[in-house]
Amino acid sequence: MRKGICCAGNMIVDITYPIETWPRQNELTHITEGIQSSTGGCVCNTITDLARLDPGLPLMASGFAGHDAEGDFILAELGKYPNIDLSMVRRDGRTSFTAVMSNNQTKERTFFQHAGANARYCEAQIDWERLDVDIFHIGYILLLPALDAEDPEYGTRMARLLHRVQEIGIRTSIDVVSETGDRFARLVTPALKYTDYCVINELEAQQTTGVTLRSPQGTLLAEHMPAALEKLKALGVARWAVIHCPEGGWGMDEKGQYHAVPSLKLPKGFIKGTVGAGDAFCAGILYAAETGLPLREALKLGACTAAASLSEVSASDGVKTAEEVGRLFDLYG
């Protein structure tokens, strides 16, 4: 019997506002037509991608959806997938939301995040008697205040939670949110000791390991990837340490073997949106781990799932079954 994957942590509604341009301080800009709401965050994006990759894969969501219209929206969207178990989603407070300002000229996006009930997500929200899965994936570290809190024994409450999950025989997986600041070493490092799969982007890896992966000019320093992956493994990642960015995916497996897979060379006009591409990459990695694929094949599936996500404006609409998504590598790999 297939046990499947639990996706836990941030459940967010993204409200995207198209704006004419980004204004200077004290100046006005206009919000144009096309305001859209979509589900977002680690739980919503990753679990939806997984449900689309394999409609028969048992999936479980764990997080907060508020007692409001946004909470109803999250449950309605995830409820479209029969293989997603929503019984561990708690209803309380206000749903977390992100106001996304999307510049019509540059296509750059700026995010304003309200934590809402997500701020209280912790061990108490998990039904431990019913948590019977192969992999427990949680994110985002740095965006779950109750779990980012200090723990005298484990360093953080997130680390304590991951240790408890491993103790009951479930593999653990983490994702991290990108931010500026010095919190990575303090909040991410303790969790790595109890992590089987770490899937993060190059900026998050750089902040966590101290290994420079992008120059000040923005150039990717791919030759530094092995050192960063080795550092993640040394910090405790037990199985796969994975780093992704627009240029490709890199990983180090449970045997210490290094793998690199470049991103797909997508034709002009293929990319319609970039929201959720990182979560889609992560979903590909998790699906590969769940189905027993080696890391190199996981990196390929991650690249293909991310590319599929890019084919539509929303985070997950472009993602099809794993077989269909995998064909993108034959076309553009």
Protein backbone atom coordinates (compact mmCIF):
# COMPACT_ATOMS: atom_id res chain seq x y z
CA MET A 1 0.00 0.00 0.00
CA ARG A 2 1.33 3.44 -0.93
CA LYS A 3 1.84 5.73 2.06
CA GLY A 4 2.63 8.97 0.23
CA ILE A 5 3.77 12.42 1.32
CA CYS A 6 2.65 15.01 3.86
CA CYS A 7 3.22 18.67 2.99
CA ALA A 8 3.20 20.89 6.07
CA GLY A 9 3.66 24.54 6.97
CA ASN A 10 2.80 27.67 5.03
CA MET A 11 -0.63 27.88 3.38
CA ILE A 12 -0.98 31.25 1.68
CA VAL A 13 -3.26 33.13 -0.69
CA ASP A 14 -1.30 35.23 -3.17
CA ILE A 15 -3.15 38.34 -4.35
CA THR A 16 -1.37 39.72 -7.41
CA TYR A 17 -1.78 43.39 -8.27
CA PRO A 18 -0.52 44.44 -11.72
CA ILE A 19 0.98 47.94 -11.39
CA GLU A 20 2.07 50.42 -14.05
CA THR A 21 5.50 50.88 -12.49
CA TRP A 22 7.20 50.76 -9.10
CA PRO A 23 6.83 54.23 -7.52
CA ARG A 24 9.40 56.15 -5.55
CA GLN A 25 8.73 56.95 -1.90
CA ASN A 26 5.62 59.18 -1.48
CA GLU A 27 4.68 58.78 -5.17
CA LEU A 28 1.57 57.11 -6.62
CA THR A 29 1.24 54.36 -9.16
CA HIS A 30 -1.87 52.78 -10.67
CA ILE A 31 -3.08 49.22 -10.18
CA THR A 32 -4.27 48.07 -13.59
CA GLU A 33 -6.81 45.43 -14.59
CA GLY A 34 -6.05 41.79 -13.88
CA ILE A 35 -6.00 41.44 -10.09
CA GLN A 36 -5.80 37.70 -9.37
CA SER A 37 -5.94 35.46 -6.33
CA SER A 38 -4.19 32.08 -6.22
CA THR A 39 -3.08 29.62 -3.60
CA GLY A 40 0.57 29.78 -2.63
CA GLY A 41 3.13 28.76 -0.08
CA CYS A 42 4.94 25.50 0.48
CA VAL A 43 1.87 23.38 1.24
CA CYS A 44 -0.48 24.63 -1.48
CA ASN A 45 2.03 24.79 -4.33
CA THR A 46 3.99 21.63 -3.60
CA ILE A 47 1.04 19.41 -2.79
CA THR A 48 -0.90 20.59 -5.86
CA ASP A 49 2.09 19.85 -8.09
CA LEU A 50 2.44 16.39 -6.52
CA ALA A 51 -1.28 15.71 -6.99
CA ARG A 52 -0.95 16.60 -10.66
CA LEU A 53 2.23 14.56 -11.14
CA ASP A 54 0.44 11.46 -9.83
CA PRO A 55 -3.34 11.56 -9.19
CA GLY A 56 -3.04 8.23 -7.35
CA LEU A 57 -0.37 9.30 -4.87
CA PRO A 58 -1.74 9.64 -1.30
CA LEU A 59 -1.10 13.16 -0.05
CA MET A 60 -1.79 14.91 3.23
CA ALA A 61 -1.84 18.67 3.94
CA SER A 62 -1.06 20.12 7.35
CA GLY A 63 -1.38 23.84 8.05
CA PHE A 64 -3.73 26.70 8.84
CA ALA A 65 -6.56 28.03 6.68
CA GLY A 66 -8.27 30.94 8.41
CA HIS A 67 -11.96 31.40 9.14
CA ASP A 68 -12.37 33.76 6.18
CA ALA A 69 -12.97 33.84 2.43
CA GLU A 70 -9.29 33.19 1.75
CA GLY A 71 -9.40 30.05 3.91
CA ASP A 72 -12.47 28.85 2.05
CA PHE A 73 -10.62 29.53 -1.21
CA ILE A 74 -7.62 27.39 -0.17
CA LEU A 75 -9.80 24.45 0.83
CA ALA A 76 -11.86 24.70 -2.35
CA GLU A 77 -8.75 24.74 -4.56
CA LEU A 78 -7.02 21.83 -2.81
CA GLY A 79 -10.34 20.00 -2.61
CA LYS A 80 -10.32 19.64 -6.40
CA TYR A 81 -7.81 16.81 -5.99
CA PRO A 82 -9.29 13.59 -4.55
CA ASN A 83 -5.87 12.30 -3.44
CA ILE A 84 -5.23 15.26 -1.07
CA ASP A 85 -6.32 14.57 2.52
CA LEU A 86 -7.32 17.89 4.11
CA SER A 87 -8.33 16.53 7.51
CA MET A 88 -5.22 17.96 9.21
CA VAL A 89 -5.80 21.51 7.92
CA ARG A 90 -6.86 23.64 10.90
CA ARG A 91 -9.32 26.54 10.59
CA ASP A 92 -8.46 29.47 12.84
CA GLY A 93 -7.81 33.21 12.68
CA ARG A 94 -6.94 34.99 9.45
CA THR A 95 -5.47 33.19 6.46
CA SER A 96 -1.92 34.13 5.59
CA PHE A 97 -1.77 36.23 2.44
CA THR A 98 0.85 37.86 0.25
CA ALA A 99 0.18 41.06 -1.67
CA VAL A 100 2.23 40.67 -4.84
CA MET A 101 3.02 43.88 -6.73
CA SER A 102 3.78 42.88 -10.31
CA ASN A 103 5.48 45.56 -12.41
CA ASN A 104 3.91 45.59 -15.89
CA GLN A 105 7.05 47.12 -17.39
CA THR A 106 9.85 45.01 -15.91
CA LYS A 107 7.81 41.93 -14.90
CA GLU A 108 9.56 42.09 -11.51
CA ARG A 109 7.52 41.25 -8.43
CA THR A 110 7.63 42.62 -4.88
CA PHE A 111 6.02 40.75 -1.99
CA PHE A 112 4.27 41.98 1.16
CA GLN A 113 3.53 39.05 3.47
CA HIS A 114 1.03 38.78 6.32
CA ALA A 115 1.68 35.65 8.42
CA GLY A 116 -1.84 35.31 9.81
CA ALA A 117 -2.57 31.97 11.48
CA ASN A 118 0.58 30.47 9.90
CA ALA A 119 2.54 32.22 12.64
CA ARG A 120 1.13 29.74 15.16
CA TYR A 121 1.75 26.54 13.20
CA CYS A 122 3.68 24.05 15.36
CA GLU A 123 3.79 20.42 16.60
CA ALA A 124 0.39 20.79 18.25
CA GLN A 125 -1.33 21.11 14.86
CA ILE A 126 -0.15 17.67 13.73
CA ASP A 127 -2.34 14.63 14.36
CA TRP A 128 0.51 12.27 15.21
CA GLU A 129 -1.77 9.24 15.35
CA ARG A 130 -2.79 9.77 11.72
CA LEU A 131 0.60 10.81 10.33
CA ASP A 132 1.33 7.64 8.36
CA VAL A 133 3.38 8.69 5.32
CA ASP A 134 6.78 7.98 3.77
CA ILE A 135 7.98 11.59 3.59
CA PHE A 136 7.15 14.66 5.70
CA HIS A 137 7.96 17.86 3.80
CA ILE A 138 7.79 21.19 5.63
CA GLY A 139 8.38 24.80 4.65
CA TYR A 140 9.22 27.44 4.90
CA ILE A 141 11.88 27.80 7.55
CA LEU A 142 12.18 31.56 8.33
CA LEU A 143 8.44 31.99 7.68
CA LEU A 144 6.94 29.90 10.50
CA PRO A 145 7.55 31.95 13.67
CA ALA A 146 6.38 29.34 16.18
CA LEU A 147 8.75 26.74 14.71
CA ASP A 148 11.55 29.24 14.17
CA ALA A 149 11.47 29.93 17.92
CA GLU A 150 14.45 28.90 20.04
CA ASP A 151 14.52 25.46 21.64
CA PRO A 152 17.01 24.86 24.48
CA GLU A 153 17.76 21.27 23.42
CA TYR A 154 17.48 21.25 19.63
CA GLY A 155 18.28 24.87 18.75
CA THR A 156 14.89 25.52 17.18
CA ARG A 157 11.41 24.06 17.55
CA MET A 158 11.58 23.13 13.87
CA ALA A 159 14.58 20.91 14.59
CA ARG A 160 12.69 19.31 17.49
CA LEU A 161 9.70 18.64 15.21
CA LEU A 162 11.87 17.08 12.48
CA HIS A 163 13.60 14.87 15.05
CA ARG A 164 10.24 13.62 16.28
CA VAL A 165 9.16 12.83 12.71
CA GLN A 166 12.35 10.86 12.06
CA GLU A 167 11.91 8.96 15.32
CA ILE A 168 8.62 7.49 14.09
CA GLY A 169 10.29 6.26 10.90
CA ILE A 170 9.29 9.01 8.44
CA ARG A 171 11.81 10.66 6.13
CA THR A 172 12.00 14.45 6.45
CA SER A 173 12.32 17.19 3.85
CA ILE A 174 12.70 20.95 4.25
CA ASP A 175 12.37 24.10 2.19
CA VAL A 176 13.44 27.63 3.11
CA VAL A 177 12.12 31.07 2.19
CA SER A 178 14.47 33.59 0.57
CA GLU A 179 15.19 36.70 2.56
CA THR A 180 18.02 39.08 3.34
CA GLY A 181 19.51 39.06 6.81
CA ASP A 182 21.53 36.86 9.12
CA ARG A 183 18.90 34.39 10.35
CA PHE A 184 19.92 31.45 8.14
CA ALA A 185 22.78 30.07 10.24
CA ARG A 186 20.71 30.40 13.42
CA LEU A 187 17.43 28.94 12.11
CA VAL A 188 18.28 26.66 9.19
CA THR A 189 21.42 24.96 10.54
CA PRO A 190 19.74 23.22 13.53
CA ALA A 191 17.08 21.72 11.24
CA LEU A 192 19.65 20.19 8.88
CA LYS A 193 20.70 17.71 11.58
CA TYR A 194 17.28 16.07 11.25
CA THR A 195 16.77 16.45 7.49
CA ASP A 196 16.81 13.67 4.90
CA TYR A 197 16.11 15.87 1.87
CA CYS A 198 17.10 19.54 1.68
CA VAL A 199 15.84 21.33 -1.46
CA ILE A 200 16.72 25.04 -1.54
CA ASN A 201 17.76 27.70 -4.05
CA GLU A 202 21.24 29.06 -4.57
CA LEU A 203 20.73 32.23 -2.51
CA GLU A 204 19.34 30.26 0.42
CA ALA A 205 22.24 27.79 0.15
CA GLN A 206 24.72 30.65 0.02
CA GLN A 207 23.25 32.21 3.17
CA THR A 208 23.18 28.87 4.98
CA THR A 209 26.62 27.54 4.07
CA GLY A 210 28.65 30.72 3.63
CA VAL A 211 29.81 29.47 0.20
CA THR A 212 29.41 32.20 -2.44
CA LEU A 213 27.23 30.96 -5.30
CA ARG A 214 26.49 34.26 -7.04
CA SER A 215 28.89 37.10 -7.62
CA PRO A 216 27.89 40.67 -6.69
CA GLN A 217 27.18 41.16 -10.41
CA GLY A 218 24.71 38.26 -10.38
CA THR A 219 26.86 35.67 -12.17
CA LEU A 220 26.27 32.10 -11.05
CA LEU A 221 29.44 30.50 -9.66
CA ALA A 222 28.55 26.91 -10.53
CA GLU A 223 32.07 25.72 -9.74
CA HIS A 224 31.31 26.41 -6.07
CA MET A 225 28.27 24.11 -6.00
CA PRO A 226 30.17 21.00 -4.82
CA ALA A 227 31.58 22.90 -1.83
CA ALA A 228 28.13 24.21 -0.87
CA LEU A 229 26.56 20.76 -1.17
CA GLU A 230 29.37 19.20 0.87
CA LYS A 231 28.75 21.81 3.57
CA LEU A 232 25.02 21.02 3.64
CA LYS A 233 25.83 17.33 4.02
CA ALA A 234 28.37 18.11 6.75
CA LEU A 235 25.70 20.11 8.59
CA GLY A 236 23.57 16.99 8.76
CA VAL A 237 21.56 16.34 5.56
CA ALA A 238 21.30 12.55 5.54
CA ARG A 239 20.21 11.69 2.00
CA TRP A 240 19.94 14.35 -0.71
CA ALA A 241 21.22 17.91 -0.57
CA VAL A 242 19.82 19.78 -3.58
CA ILE A 243 20.36 23.34 -4.83
CA HIS A 244 18.31 24.80 -7.68
CA CYS A 245 18.22 28.09 -9.57
CA PRO A 246 17.13 29.26 -13.04
CA GLU A 247 20.33 27.85 -14.54
CA GLY A 248 19.89 24.29 -13.30
CA GLY A 249 19.88 21.82 -10.42
CA TRP A 250 22.78 20.37 -8.44
CA GLY A 251 22.78 17.67 -5.82
CA MET A 252 24.77 15.34 -3.62
CA ASP A 253 23.26 11.97 -2.81
CA GLU A 254 23.43 9.60 0.17
CA LYS A 255 26.74 8.19 -1.11
CA GLY A 256 28.32 11.61 -1.48
CA GLN A 257 28.12 11.51 -5.27
CA TYR A 258 27.76 14.86 -7.05
CA HIS A 259 25.23 15.44 -9.83
CA ALA A 260 24.43 18.44 -12.05
CA VAL A 261 21.55 18.87 -14.51
CA PRO A 262 21.15 22.13 -16.49
CA SER A 263 17.75 23.75 -16.86
CA LEU A 264 15.77 23.06 -20.00
CA LYS A 265 16.37 25.34 -22.98
CA LEU A 266 12.83 26.61 -23.34
CA PRO A 267 11.71 28.24 -26.61
CA LYS A 268 10.76 31.89 -26.83
CA GLY A 269 7.24 32.49 -25.53
CA PHE A 270 7.14 29.28 -23.48
CA ILE A 271 7.40 31.05 -20.11
CA LYS A 272 4.15 32.70 -19.06
CA GLY A 273 4.79 33.06 -15.31
CA THR A 274 7.46 32.32 -12.71
CA VAL A 275 5.32 32.00 -9.56
CA GLY A 276 5.88 28.67 -7.81
CA ALA A 277 8.68 27.36 -10.05
CA GLY A 278 10.86 26.57 -7.02
CA ASP A 279 8.04 24.65 -5.34
CA ALA A 280 7.47 22.75 -8.60
CA PHE A 281 11.15 21.79 -8.73
CA CYS A 282 10.85 20.59 -5.14
CA ALA A 283 7.74 18.55 -5.98
CA GLY A 284 9.68 16.78 -8.73
CA ILE A 285 12.46 15.91 -6.29
CA LEU A 286 10.00 14.65 -3.67
CA TYR A 287 8.12 12.53 -6.20
CA ALA A 288 11.38 10.96 -7.35
CA ALA A 289 12.36 10.24 -3.73
CA GLU A 290 8.96 8.69 -3.04
CA THR A 291 9.09 6.46 -6.12
CA GLY A 292 12.68 5.30 -5.65
CA LEU A 293 14.44 7.16 -8.46
CA PRO A 294 18.15 8.02 -8.09
CA LEU A 295 19.16 11.64 -7.52
CA ARG A 296 20.23 12.33 -11.11
CA GLU A 297 16.79 11.31 -12.38
CA ALA A 298 15.25 13.36 -9.57
CA LEU A 299 17.11 16.45 -10.77
CA LYS A 300 15.81 15.86 -14.30
CA LEU A 301 12.24 15.49 -13.05
CA GLY A 302 12.67 18.61 -10.90
CA ALA A 303 13.86 20.60 -13.92
CA CYS A 304 10.96 19.32 -16.04
CA THR A 305 8.34 20.04 -13.35
CA ALA A 306 9.69 23.56 -12.89
CA ALA A 307 9.59 24.10 -16.66
CA ALA A 308 6.01 22.84 -16.80
CA SER A 309 5.09 25.29 -14.05
CA LEU A 310 6.59 28.13 -16.09
CA SER A 311 4.28 27.33 -19.03
CA GLU A 312 1.26 28.90 -17.27
CA VAL A 313 0.75 32.09 -15.26
CA SER A 314 -0.30 30.27 -12.10
CA ALA A 315 2.01 28.11 -10.01
CA SER A 316 0.62 24.68 -10.91
CA ASP A 317 -1.71 24.80 -13.93
CA GLY A 318 1.11 23.84 -16.31
CA VAL A 319 2.07 20.72 -14.35
CA LYS A 320 0.78 17.45 -15.84
CA THR A 321 1.48 13.81 -14.96
CA ALA A 322 5.06 12.75 -14.27
CA GLU A 323 5.16 10.92 -17.60
CA GLU A 324 3.97 13.98 -19.54
CA VAL A 325 6.24 16.34 -17.65
CA GLY A 326 9.22 14.04 -18.21
CA ARG A 327 8.81 14.35 -21.99
CA LEU A 328 9.92 17.99 -21.73
CA PHE A 329 13.47 16.75 -21.13
CA ASP A 330 13.41 14.96 -24.50
CA LEU A 331 12.18 18.14 -26.16
CA TYR A 332 14.28 20.79 -24.42
CA GLY A 333 16.85 19.01 -22.25
